[in-house]
C-alpha atoms as a PDB file:
ATOM      1  CA  MET A   1     135.843 138.594 115.752  1.00  0.00           C
ATOM      2  CA  LEU A   2     134.046 137.365 118.671  1.00  0.00           C
ATOM      3  CA  MET A   3     136.507 139.257 121.003  1.00  0.00           C
ATOM      4  CA  ARG A   4     134.602 142.425 119.649  1.00  0.00           C
ATOM      5  CA  LEU A   5     131.727 141.858 121.442  1.00  0.00           C
ATOM      6  CA  MET A   6     132.918 143.686 124.767  1.00  0.00           C
ATOM      7  CA  PRO A   7     131.649 146.565 126.742  1.00  0.00           C
ATOM      8  CA  GLY A   8     132.531 149.698 124.957  1.00  0.00           C
ATOM      9  CA  ASN A   9     131.769 148.116 121.065  1.00  0.00           C
ATOM     10  CA  SER A  10     129.941 150.296 118.797  1.00  0.00           C
ATOM     11  CA  ILE A  11     126.180 149.069 118.204  1.00  0.00           C
ATOM     12  CA  GLY A  12     127.122 148.998 114.404  1.00  0.00           C
ATOM     13  CA  GLU A  13     130.104 146.693 115.956  1.00  0.00           C
ATOM     14  CA  ILE A  14     127.782 144.195 117.302  1.00  0.00           C
ATOM     15  CA  CYS A  15     125.278 144.320 114.716  1.00  0.00           C
ATOM     16  CA  TYR A  16     128.091 143.123 112.618  1.00  0.00           C
ATOM     17  CA  ASN A  17     128.897 140.293 114.571  1.00  0.00           C
ATOM     18  CA  ILE A  18     125.102 138.959 114.998  1.00  0.00           C
ATOM     19  CA  ILE A  19     124.667 138.894 110.926  1.00  0.00           C
ATOM     20  CA  VAL A  20     127.946 137.182 111.099  1.00  0.00           C
ATOM     21  CA  ILE A  21     127.476 134.679 113.335  1.00  0.00           C
ATOM     22  CA  TYR A  22     124.009 133.650 111.612  1.00  0.00           C
ATOM     23  CA  LEU A  23     125.264 133.831 108.597  1.00  0.00           C
ATOM     24  CA  ILE A  24     128.045 131.359 109.132  1.00  0.00           C
ATOM     25  CA  PHE A  25     125.116 129.717 111.318  1.00  0.00           C
ATOM     26  CA  THR A  26     122.550 128.931 109.042  1.00  0.00           C
ATOM     27  CA  LEU A  27     125.209 127.931 106.740  1.00  0.00           C
ATOM     28  CA  LEU A  28     126.373 125.205 108.440  1.00  0.00           C
ATOM     29  CA  LEU A  29     122.827 124.048 109.538  1.00  0.00           C
ATOM     30  CA  THR A  30     121.869 124.303 105.530  1.00  0.00           C
ATOM     31  CA  LEU A  31     124.927 122.253 104.276  1.00  0.00           C
ATOM     32  CA  TYR A  32     123.900 119.431 107.386  1.00  0.00           C
ATOM     33  CA  SER A  33     120.578 119.688 105.659  1.00  0.00           C
ATOM     34  CA  VAL A  34     121.913 118.934 102.790  1.00  0.00           C
ATOM     35  CA  ILE A  35     124.194 116.442 103.528  1.00  0.00           C
ATOM     36  CA  ARG A  36     122.065 114.666 105.683  1.00  0.00           C
ATOM     37  CA  MET A  37     119.306 114.454 103.115  1.00  0.00           C
ATOM     38  CA  ARG A  38     121.961 112.701 100.194  1.00  0.00           C
ATOM     39  CA  VAL A  39     123.149 110.020 103.043  1.00  0.00           C
ATOM     40  CA  VAL A  40     119.357 109.382 104.192  1.00  0.00           C
ATOM     41  CA  ASN A  41     118.203 109.135 100.582  1.00  0.00           C
ATOM     42  CA  GLY A  42     121.171 106.851  99.744  1.00  0.00           C
ATOM     43  CA  LYS A  43     119.898 104.375 102.244  1.00  0.00           C
ATOM     44  CA  ILE A  44     116.432 104.288 101.572  1.00  0.00           C
ATOM     45  CA  ASN A  45     115.615 104.964  98.078  1.00  0.00           C
ATOM     46  CA  CYS A  46     115.842 101.094  96.844  1.00  0.00           C
ATOM     47  CA  LYS A  47     117.578 102.138  93.568  1.00  0.00           C
ATOM     48  CA  LYS A  48     118.773  98.084  93.974  1.00  0.00           C
ATOM     49  CA  ASN A  49     114.804  96.891  94.075  1.00  0.00           C
ATOM     50  CA  GLY A  50     114.554  98.972  90.684  1.00  0.00           C
ATOM     51  CA  ARG A  51     117.710  97.644  89.104  1.00  0.00           C
ATOM     52  CA  GLU A  52     117.309  94.717  89.828  1.00  0.00           C
ATOM     53  CA  ARG A  53     113.625  94.700  88.709  1.00  0.00           C
ATOM     54  CA  MET A  54     114.107  96.006  85.061  1.00  0.00           C
ATOM     55  CA  HIS A  55     117.038  93.369  84.820  1.00  0.00           C
ATOM     56  CA  LYS A  56     114.904  90.383  85.671  1.00  0.00           C
ATOM     57  CA  LEU A  57     111.893  92.325  83.203  1.00  0.00           C
ATOM     58  CA  SER A  58     114.756  92.941  80.341  1.00  0.00           C
ATOM     59  CA  HIS A  59     115.976  89.015  80.988  1.00  0.00           C
ATOM     60  CA  GLU A  60     112.808  87.830  80.616  1.00  0.00           C
ATOM     61  CA  GLY A  61     112.278  90.128  77.531  1.00  0.00           C
ATOM     62  CA  ARG A  62     108.832  92.093  79.100  1.00  0.00           C
ATOM     63  CA  LEU A  63     110.345  95.466  79.352  1.00  0.00           C
ATOM     64  CA  SER A  64     109.770  98.116  76.735  1.00  0.00           C
ATOM     65  CA  GLN A  65     111.398 101.323  76.843  1.00  0.00           C
ATOM     66  CA  LEU A  66     109.646 103.030  73.790  1.00  0.00           C
ATOM     67  CA  PRO A  67     109.325 106.667  72.560  1.00  0.00           C
ATOM     68  CA  VAL A  68     105.678 108.151  72.790  1.00  0.00           C
ATOM     69  CA  TYR A  69     106.462 110.695  69.289  1.00  0.00           C
ATOM     70  CA  THR A  70     106.701 109.152  65.785  1.00  0.00           C
ATOM     71  CA  MET A  71     110.307 109.195  63.940  1.00  0.00           C
ATOM     72  CA  ASP A  72     109.123 112.092  61.933  1.00  0.00           C
ATOM     73  CA  GLU A  73     107.784 114.247  65.010  1.00  0.00           C
ATOM     74  CA  MET A  74     111.433 113.596  66.747  1.00  0.00           C
ATOM     75  CA  ALA A  75     113.052 114.275  63.206  1.00  0.00           C
ATOM     76  CA  SER A  76     111.408 117.716  63.338  1.00  0.00           C
ATOM     77  CA  ASN A  77     112.014 118.360  66.968  1.00  0.00           C
ATOM     78  CA  LYS A  78     114.904 116.586  68.043  1.00  0.00           C
ATOM     79  CA  LYS A  79     114.101 117.817  71.513  1.00  0.00           C
ATOM     80  CA  LEU A  80     111.209 115.187  71.546  1.00  0.00           C
ATOM     81  CA  SER A  81     113.761 112.131  71.745  1.00  0.00           C
ATOM     82  CA  GLU A  82     114.252 113.110  75.043  1.00  0.00           C
ATOM     83  CA  VAL A  83     110.918 111.820  76.157  1.00  0.00           C
ATOM     84  CA  ARG A  84     110.555 107.871  76.775  1.00  0.00           C
ATOM     85  CA  LEU A  85     108.252 105.832  78.341  1.00  0.00           C
ATOM     86  CA  THR A  86     109.061 102.494  80.071  1.00  0.00           C
ATOM     87  CA  PHE A  87     106.405  99.140  81.213  1.00  0.00           C
ATOM     88  CA  PHE A  88     107.330  97.722  83.809  1.00  0.00           C
ATOM     89  CA  PRO A  89     104.550  94.667  83.690  1.00  0.00           C
ATOM     90  CA  CYS A  90     103.059  93.111  86.802  1.00  0.00           C
ATOM     91  CA  ASP A  91     103.926  89.419  87.363  1.00  0.00           C
ATOM     92  CA  ASN A  92     100.213  88.598  88.547  1.00  0.00           C
ATOM     93  CA  PRO A  93      98.285  91.686  88.229  1.00  0.00           C
ATOM     94  CA  ILE A  94      94.973  92.251  90.286  1.00  0.00           C
ATOM     95  CA  ASP A  95      93.249  93.801  87.342  1.00  0.00           C
ATOM     96  CA  HIS A  96      94.224  95.849  84.243  1.00  0.00           C
ATOM     97  CA  ARG A  97      94.611  99.495  85.495  1.00  0.00           C
ATOM     98  CA  PHE A  98      98.132 100.807  85.651  1.00  0.00           C
ATOM     99  CA  VAL A  99      99.983 104.335  87.377  1.00  0.00           C
ATOM    100  CA  ILE A 100     102.210 106.213  85.231  1.00  0.00           C
ATOM    101  CA  VAL A 101     105.106 107.295  87.166  1.00  0.00           C
ATOM    102  CA  LEU A 102     106.874 111.047  86.837  1.00  0.00           C
ATOM    103  CA  PRO A 103     110.052 111.295  88.854  1.00  0.00           C
ATOM    104  CA  GLY A 104     111.111 114.414  89.499  1.00  0.00           C
ATOM    105  CA  GLY A 105     114.392 116.740  89.045  1.00  0.00           C
ATOM    106  CA  GLY A 106     113.201 120.347  89.231  1.00  0.00           C
ATOM    107  CA  TYR A 107     112.303 120.299  85.655  1.00  0.00           C
ATOM    108  CA  ALA A 108     116.171 120.153  85.260  1.00  0.00           C
ATOM    109  CA  HIS A 109     116.381 116.157  84.941  1.00  0.00           C
ATOM    110  CA  CYS A 110     114.491 113.490  85.844  1.00  0.00           C
ATOM    111  CA  CYS A 111     115.235 111.042  88.646  1.00  0.00           C
ATOM    112  CA  THR A 112     114.526 107.882  86.998  1.00  0.00           C
ATOM    113  CA  THR A 113     117.052 106.012  88.915  1.00  0.00           C
ATOM    114  CA  THR A 114     115.883 107.110  92.366  1.00  0.00           C
ATOM    115  CA  GLU A 115     111.825 108.395  91.768  1.00  0.00           C
ATOM    116  CA  GLY A 116     111.107 106.016  88.439  1.00  0.00           C
ATOM    117  CA  TYR A 117     112.285 102.368  88.518  1.00  0.00           C
ATOM    118  CA  PRO A 118     112.289 101.376  92.232  1.00  0.00           C
ATOM    119  CA  VAL A 119     108.816 103.070  92.494  1.00  0.00           C
ATOM    120  CA  ALA A 120     107.643 101.390  89.379  1.00  0.00           C
ATOM    121  CA  ALA A 121     109.002  98.185  91.180  1.00  0.00           C
ATOM    122  CA  LYS A 122     107.097  98.884  94.320  1.00  0.00           C
ATOM    123  CA  ILE A 123     103.838  99.282  92.559  1.00  0.00           C
ATOM    124  CA  ASN A 124     104.969  96.126  90.235  1.00  0.00           C
ATOM    125  CA  GLU A 125     104.815  94.183  94.197  1.00  0.00           C
ATOM    126  CA  LEU A 126     101.427  95.689  94.867  1.00  0.00           C
ATOM    127  CA  GLY A 127     100.100  94.119  92.274  1.00  0.00           C
ATOM    128  CA  HIS A 128      99.711  96.730  89.478  1.00  0.00           C
ATOM    129  CA  HIS A 129     101.232  97.886  86.111  1.00  0.00           C
ATOM    130  CA  ALA A 130     103.407 100.500  85.873  1.00  0.00           C
ATOM    131  CA  PHE A 131     104.973 102.961  83.359  1.00  0.00           C
ATOM    132  CA  ILE A 132     107.901 105.427  84.062  1.00  0.00           C
ATOM    133  CA  LEU A 133     107.193 108.326  81.892  1.00  0.00           C
ATOM    134  CA  GLU A 134     110.921 110.222  81.411  1.00  0.00           C
ATOM    135  CA  TYR A 135     109.841 114.217  79.688  1.00  0.00           C
ATOM    136  CA  ARG A 136     111.242 117.421  78.440  1.00  0.00           C
ATOM    137  CA  THR A 137     113.665 118.850  80.820  1.00  0.00           C
ATOM    138  CA  ARG A 138     116.017 121.347  81.197  1.00  0.00           C
ATOM    139  CA  PHE A 139     117.052 123.408  77.524  1.00  0.00           C
ATOM    140  CA  ASN A 140     114.846 120.911  75.498  1.00  0.00           C
ATOM    141  CA  CYS A 141     112.160 121.824  77.890  1.00  0.00           C
ATOM    142  CA  SER A 142     109.101 124.908  76.791  1.00  0.00           C
ATOM    143  CA  PRO A 143     106.272 126.626  78.087  1.00  0.00           C
ATOM    144  CA  TYR A 144     104.011 123.286  79.021  1.00  0.00           C
ATOM    145  CA  ALA A 145     106.064 120.621  77.613  1.00  0.00           C
ATOM    146  CA  PRO A 146     105.830 118.156  80.032  1.00  0.00           C
ATOM    147  CA  MET A 147     101.986 118.696  80.203  1.00  0.00           C
ATOM    148  CA  GLU A 148     101.861 117.713  76.730  1.00  0.00           C
ATOM    149  CA  ASP A 149     104.902 114.828  76.841  1.00  0.00           C
ATOM    150  CA  LEU A 150     102.549 113.185  79.710  1.00  0.00           C
ATOM    151  CA  ALA A 151      99.278 113.383  77.143  1.00  0.00           C
ATOM    152  CA  LYS A 152     100.885 112.154  74.520  1.00  0.00           C
ATOM    153  CA  ALA A 153     102.402 109.021  76.463  1.00  0.00           C
ATOM    154  CA  ILE A 154      99.013 108.467  77.638  1.00  0.00           C
ATOM    155  CA  VAL A 155      97.282 108.360  74.020  1.00  0.00           C
ATOM    156  CA  TYR A 156     100.171 106.386  73.380  1.00  0.00           C
ATOM    157  CA  ILE A 157      99.025 103.932  76.121  1.00  0.00           C
ATOM    158  CA  LYS A 158      95.559 104.146  75.064  1.00  0.00           C
ATOM    159  CA  ASN A 159      96.200 102.962  71.455  1.00  0.00           C
ATOM    160  CA  HIS A 160      98.189 100.118  72.439  1.00  0.00           C
ATOM    161  CA  GLN A 161      96.315  99.070  75.278  1.00  0.00           C
ATOM    162  CA  ASP A 162      96.206  95.460  73.615  1.00  0.00           C
ATOM    163  CA  LEU A 163      99.594  95.551  73.455  1.00  0.00           C
ATOM    164  CA  PHE A 164     100.508  96.052  77.383  1.00  0.00           C
ATOM    165  CA  ASP A 165      97.091  94.341  79.013  1.00  0.00           C
ATOM    166  CA  VAL A 166      95.992  97.478  80.134  1.00  0.00           C
ATOM    167  CA  THR A 167      92.954  99.422  80.451  1.00  0.00           C
ATOM    168  CA  LEU A 168      92.672 103.368  80.458  1.00  0.00           C
ATOM    169  CA  GLU A 169      89.692 103.300  83.105  1.00  0.00           C
ATOM    170  CA  ASP A 170      90.376 104.300  86.378  1.00  0.00           C
ATOM    171  CA  TYR A 171      94.652 104.999  85.919  1.00  0.00           C
ATOM    172  CA  ALA A 172      96.715 106.391  88.482  1.00  0.00           C
ATOM    173  CA  ILE A 173      99.363 109.571  88.055  1.00  0.00           C
ATOM    174  CA  CYS A 174     102.509 109.065  90.910  1.00  0.00           C
ATOM    175  CA  GLY A 175     104.596 112.247  90.717  1.00  0.00           C
ATOM    176  CA  PHE A 176     107.435 113.132  92.933  1.00  0.00           C
ATOM    177  CA  SER A 177     108.851 116.579  93.300  1.00  0.00           C
ATOM    178  CA  ALA A 178     108.729 118.379  89.825  1.00  0.00           C
ATOM    179  CA  GLY A 179     107.079 115.272  88.886  1.00  0.00           C
ATOM    180  CA  GLY A 180     104.354 115.996  91.237  1.00  0.00           C
ATOM    181  CA  ASN A 181     104.050 119.744  89.801  1.00  0.00           C
ATOM    182  CA  LEU A 182     103.269 117.974  86.471  1.00  0.00           C
ATOM    183  CA  ALA A 183     100.977 115.227  88.283  1.00  0.00           C
ATOM    184  CA  GLY A 184      98.722 117.759  90.275  1.00  0.00           C
ATOM    185  CA  ILE A 185      98.533 120.574  87.327  1.00  0.00           C
ATOM    186  CA  PHE A 186      97.804 117.269  84.938  1.00  0.00           C
ATOM    187  CA  GLY A 187      94.518 116.631  87.788  1.00  0.00           C
ATOM    188  CA  GLY A 188      93.086 120.039  86.469  1.00  0.00           C
ATOM    189  CA  ARG A 189      91.086 120.594  83.955  1.00  0.00           C
ATOM    190  CA  GLU A 190      92.230 123.910  82.549  1.00  0.00           C
ATOM    191  CA  ARG A 191      96.125 122.467  81.883  1.00  0.00           C
ATOM    192  CA  GLY A 192      95.567 119.046  82.333  1.00  0.00           C
ATOM    193  CA  TYR A 193      93.704 115.786  80.784  1.00  0.00           C
ATOM    194  CA  GLU A 194      89.999 118.293  79.510  1.00  0.00           C
ATOM    195  CA  PHE A 195      93.034 120.579  78.038  1.00  0.00           C
ATOM    196  CA  TYR A 196      94.249 117.676  76.427  1.00  0.00           C
ATOM    197  CA  ASP A 197      91.150 116.085  75.737  1.00  0.00           C
ATOM    198  CA  VAL A 198      92.451 112.554  77.685  1.00  0.00           C
ATOM    199  CA  PRO A 199      90.664 110.674  79.774  1.00  0.00           C
ATOM    200  CA  LYS A 200      90.683 111.937  83.721  1.00  0.00           C
ATOM    201  CA  PRO A 201      93.056 109.748  86.214  1.00  0.00           C
ATOM    202  CA  LYS A 202      90.855 108.722  88.699  1.00  0.00           C
ATOM    203  CA  THR A 203      93.577 109.272  91.560  1.00  0.00           C
ATOM    204  CA  ILE A 204      96.824 111.461  91.968  1.00  0.00           C
ATOM    205  CA  ILE A 205      99.591 110.333  93.870  1.00  0.00           C
ATOM    206  CA  LEU A 206     102.036 112.920  95.107  1.00  0.00           C
ATOM    207  CA  GLY A 207     105.119 112.096  97.062  1.00  0.00           C
ATOM    208  CA  TYR A 208     106.337 116.265  98.559  1.00  0.00           C
ATOM    209  CA  PRO A 209     105.139 117.582  95.852  1.00  0.00           C
ATOM    210  CA  TRP A 210     106.254 120.739  94.365  1.00  0.00           C
ATOM    211  CA  THR A 211     103.431 122.735  94.208  1.00  0.00           C
ATOM    212  CA  ASN A 212     104.075 126.765  95.103  1.00  0.00           C
ATOM    213  CA  LEU A 213     106.488 127.271  93.069  1.00  0.00           C
ATOM    214  CA  ASN A 214     105.806 131.240  92.253  1.00  0.00           C
ATOM    215  CA  HIS A 215     105.236 132.283  95.964  1.00  0.00           C
ATOM    216  CA  TRP A 216     107.911 131.634  98.040  1.00  0.00           C
ATOM    217  CA  HIS A 217     108.237 134.826  99.088  1.00  0.00           C
ATOM    218  CA  ASP A 218     104.595 134.479 100.710  1.00  0.00           C
ATOM    219  CA  HIS A 219     106.064 132.357 104.039  1.00  0.00           C
ATOM    220  CA  PRO A 220     109.016 134.004 104.445  1.00  0.00           C
ATOM    221  CA  TYR A 221     112.015 131.557 105.240  1.00  0.00           C
ATOM    222  CA  TRP A 222     114.304 132.282 108.778  1.00  0.00           C
ATOM    223  CA  ASN A 223     117.071 130.745 106.903  1.00  0.00           C
ATOM    224  CA  ILE A 224     118.196 133.437 104.103  1.00  0.00           C
ATOM    225  CA  TRP A 225     120.801 129.979 102.681  1.00  0.00           C
ATOM    226  CA  MET A 226     117.695 127.986 102.634  1.00  0.00           C
ATOM    227  CA  ALA A 227     115.257 130.805 100.808  1.00  0.00           C
ATOM    228  CA  MET A 228     118.378 131.212  97.946  1.00  0.00           C
ATOM    229  CA  MET A 229     117.642 127.767  97.365  1.00  0.00           C
ATOM    230  CA  GLY A 230     114.152 127.821  96.969  1.00  0.00           C
ATOM    231  CA  VAL A 231     114.369 131.273  94.872  1.00  0.00           C
ATOM    232  CA  TRP A 232     117.141 129.477  92.811  1.00  0.00           C
ATOM    233  CA  LEU A 233     114.875 126.220  91.817  1.00  0.00           C
ATOM    234  CA  SER A 234     112.027 128.064  91.224  1.00  0.00           C
ATOM    235  CA  VAL A 235     113.906 130.916  89.008  1.00  0.00           C
ATOM    236  CA  ARG A 236     115.992 127.861  87.576  1.00  0.00           C
ATOM    237  CA  CYS A 237     112.709 126.313  86.162  1.00  0.00           C
ATOM    238  CA  PHE A 238     111.015 129.394  84.912  1.00  0.00           C
ATOM    239  CA  ILE A 239     113.526 129.734  82.705  1.00  0.00           C
ATOM    240  CA  TYR A 240     114.035 126.308  81.888  1.00  0.00           C
ATOM    241  CA  MET A 241     109.796 126.173  80.823  1.00  0.00           C
ATOM    242  CA  PHE A 242     109.454 129.941  79.947  1.00  0.00           C
ATOM    243  CA  GLY A 243     112.691 131.701  79.030  1.00  0.00           C
ATOM    244  CA  PHE A 244     114.652 134.167  80.527  1.00  0.00           C
ATOM    245  CA  PHE A 245     111.644 136.879  81.060  1.00  0.00           C
ATOM    246  CA  SER A 246     108.485 135.744  82.373  1.00  0.00           C
ATOM    247  CA  LYS A 247     105.186 137.585  83.572  1.00  0.00           C
ATOM    248  CA  LYS A 248     103.628 136.812  87.511  1.00  0.00           C
ATOM    249  CA  ASP A 249     100.527 135.195  85.876  1.00  0.00           C
ATOM    250  CA  VAL A 250     102.626 132.857  83.996  1.00  0.00           C
ATOM    251  CA  ARG A 251     104.379 132.312  86.525  1.00  0.00           C
ATOM    252  CA  ASP A 252     101.085 131.697  88.567  1.00  0.00           C
ATOM    253  CA  SER A 253     100.308 128.859  86.201  1.00  0.00           C
ATOM    254  CA  LEU A 254     102.968 126.648  87.368  1.00  0.00           C
ATOM    255  CA  CYS A 255     101.126 126.303  91.255  1.00  0.00           C
ATOM    256  CA  VAL A 256      99.086 123.669  91.355  1.00  0.00           C
ATOM    257  CA  GLN A 257      96.638 125.492  94.085  1.00  0.00           C
ATOM    258  CA  ASN A 258      95.269 127.166  91.265  1.00  0.00           C
ATOM    259  CA  TYR A 259      93.591 124.479  89.233  1.00  0.00           C
ATOM    260  CA  ILE A 260      92.008 122.340  92.122  1.00  0.00           C
ATOM    261  CA  ASP A 261      88.032 123.041  92.058  1.00  0.00           C
ATOM    262  CA  GLU A 262      85.152 120.450  93.487  1.00  0.00           C
ATOM    263  CA  ASP A 263      86.268 118.227  89.897  1.00  0.00           C
ATOM    264  CA  TYR A 264      89.605 117.179  90.886  1.00  0.00           C
ATOM    265  CA  PRO A 265      90.985 113.992  91.226  1.00  0.00           C
ATOM    266  CA  ASP A 266      90.902 111.406  94.702  1.00  0.00           C
ATOM    267  CA  THR A 267      94.749 112.503  95.764  1.00  0.00           C
ATOM    268  CA  PHE A 268      96.965 111.405  98.285  1.00  0.00           C
ATOM    269  CA  MET A 269      99.629 113.240  99.412  1.00  0.00           C
ATOM    270  CA  MET A 270     103.050 112.584 101.308  1.00  0.00           C
ATOM    271  CA  ALA A 271     106.157 114.842 102.713  1.00  0.00           C
ATOM    272  CA  GLY A 272     108.436 114.834 104.766  1.00  0.00           C
ATOM    273  CA  GLY A 273     108.526 117.632 107.854  1.00  0.00           C
ATOM    274  CA  LEU A 274     112.477 118.397 107.580  1.00  0.00           C
ATOM    275  CA  ASP A 275     112.069 118.862 103.563  1.00  0.00           C
ATOM    276  CA  THR A 276     114.725 121.821 103.070  1.00  0.00           C
ATOM    277  CA  LEU A 277     113.985 122.066  99.764  1.00  0.00           C
ATOM    278  CA  VAL A 278     110.344 122.132  99.068  1.00  0.00           C
ATOM    279  CA  PRO A 279     109.255 122.813 102.818  1.00  0.00           C
ATOM    280  CA  ALA A 280     105.987 120.747 103.174  1.00  0.00           C
ATOM    281  CA  SER A 281     104.782 124.201 105.137  1.00  0.00           C
ATOM    282  CA  ARG A 282     105.037 126.209 101.496  1.00  0.00           C
ATOM    283  CA  HIS A 283     103.886 123.326  99.563  1.00  0.00           C
ATOM    284  CA  ALA A 284     102.382 120.000 100.228  1.00  0.00           C
ATOM    285  CA  ASP A 285     100.307 122.178 103.180  1.00  0.00           C
ATOM    286  CA  VAL A 286      99.107 124.808 100.559  1.00  0.00           C
ATOM    287  CA  MET A 287      97.859 122.451  98.911  1.00  0.00           C
ATOM    288  CA  GLU A 288      96.006 120.869 101.313  1.00  0.00           C
ATOM    289  CA  ALA A 289      94.521 123.697 102.337  1.00  0.00           C
ATOM    290  CA  ALA A 290      93.247 123.673  98.895  1.00  0.00           C
ATOM    291  CA  LEU A 291      91.791 120.388  98.196  1.00  0.00           C
ATOM    292  CA  THR A 292      89.879 120.856 101.777  1.00  0.00           C
ATOM    293  CA  GLU A 293      88.686 124.150 100.588  1.00  0.00           C
ATOM    294  CA  HIS A 294      87.294 122.643  97.674  1.00  0.00           C
ATOM    295  CA  ASN A 295      86.314 119.187  99.267  1.00  0.00           C
ATOM    296  CA  VAL A 296      88.603 117.203  97.009  1.00  0.00           C
ATOM    297  CA  ASN A 297      88.339 112.992  98.567  1.00  0.00           C
ATOM    298  CA  HIS A 298      92.324 112.977  99.941  1.00  0.00           C
ATOM    299  CA  ILE A 299      94.604 112.159 102.385  1.00  0.00           C
ATOM    300  CA  TYR A 300      97.742 113.825 103.359  1.00  0.00           C
ATOM    301  CA  ARG A 301     100.571 111.921 105.489  1.00  0.00           C
ATOM    302  CA  LYS A 302     103.385 113.853 106.856  1.00  0.00           C
ATOM    303  CA  TYR A 303     106.533 112.655 108.548  1.00  0.00           C
ATOM    304  CA  PHE A 304     108.288 115.139 110.427  1.00  0.00           C
ATOM    305  CA  ARG A 305     111.772 113.277 110.618  1.00  0.00           C
ATOM    306  CA  LEU A 306     112.203 113.128 106.766  1.00  0.00           C
ATOM    307  CA  PRO A 307     114.078 114.808 104.221  1.00  0.00           C
ATOM    308  CA  HIS A 308     113.215 115.385 100.496  1.00  0.00           C
ATOM    309  CA  GLY A 309     113.645 112.792  97.443  1.00  0.00           C
ATOM    310  CA  ILE A 310     112.693 109.501  99.835  1.00  0.00           C
ATOM    311  CA  GLY A 311     110.949 107.592  97.474  1.00  0.00           C
ATOM    312  CA  VAL A 312     109.562 104.820  98.629  1.00  0.00           C
ATOM    313  CA  ALA A 313     111.016 105.752 102.010  1.00  0.00           C
ATOM    314  CA  SER A 314     111.811 101.857 102.372  1.00  0.00           C
ATOM    315  CA  LYS A 315     112.935 101.072 106.157  1.00  0.00           C
ATOM    316  CA  THR A 316     111.419 104.815 107.579  1.00  0.00           C
ATOM    317  CA  SER A 317     108.323 105.605 109.226  1.00  0.00           C
ATOM    318  CA  ALA A 318     106.943 106.592 105.645  1.00  0.00           C
ATOM    319  CA  GLU A 319     108.221 102.760 104.541  1.00  0.00           C
ATOM    320  CA  LYS A 320     104.206 102.097 103.877  1.00  0.00           C
ATOM    321  CA  TRP A 321     103.117 105.380 102.255  1.00  0.00           C
ATOM    322  CA  LEU A 322     103.270 103.733  98.773  1.00  0.00           C
ATOM    323  CA  ASP A 323     101.268 100.844 100.378  1.00  0.00           C
ATOM    324  CA  GLU A 324      98.525 103.076 101.680  1.00  0.00           C
ATOM    325  CA  ALA A 325      98.073 105.415  98.525  1.00  0.00           C
ATOM    326  CA  VAL A 326      97.741 102.179  96.219  1.00  0.00           C
ATOM    327  CA  GLU A 327      95.026 101.052  98.608  1.00  0.00           C
ATOM    328  CA  PHE A 328      93.680 104.469  98.443  1.00  0.00           C
ATOM    329  CA  TRP A 329      93.289 104.285  94.645  1.00  0.00           C
ATOM    330  CA  SER A 330      91.723 100.873  94.692  1.00  0.00           C
ATOM    331  CA  ARG A 331      88.977 101.802  96.898  1.00  0.00           C
END
């Protein structure tokens, strides 16, 4: 094929060869990025710590995994049975506050073993109680169902404060990727805590949040394969949330920056500079600009050599990010 690039070849043939080389090169680069992400994540997510903490609590009879909907509600809508709240009590809590952890998964599933249990275990280490919410995803999802599930979980915790030995005052929400989208939207009044009439979270903690779902085309990708991944992730999410046909203004309702105002909760956000699934420049950076515009108290940390899905990011340049986030919340 490359032998065609000889003097005398037509402009069309030269252009054809350039396009083919570009497609092959960018495909290989994309495959490398995805494989690297998988390899790195397997080493730094601390899945083992999450499992061990879960088994320890279970052995001690302290682990609680509970439905947030009643039996009657689940009987009338079987999709609600997917929603589950897991309580990780701290051994020696600093106080009675808690963090609700929302794993990511593109609204197609919940990455509970990588962004749920290990994160809750780390929050326990830092002296606080933690809940992990598994919300409705995939075809069990429907318009704003995850937001409804989060509100229902907060009401459940509120009604069982004595059982969990927690207080709803100054609680925090920690979300990753699509869980960050959920947490970010819930921090706004229009489609969040005020809409569902639940207490406002004191702090939102976001890990590589998927915030700018409907605007991938505003930030052109030079790599067509990565652009296709971005389009596919967004379209898949819109299908699960709103069905196969939805208008732009409806899709815009999943863009977190649209909900940020001067009353938005304090926010701690982190992202990886080598994130190919949810590029920081098109998501976290956009949200950071909105937080700055509205004078919201926030901290944004970007770790330039890290990919998507890093979770607690053990043994990396970001390994203390959750410590800093919890300290920010505590202040």
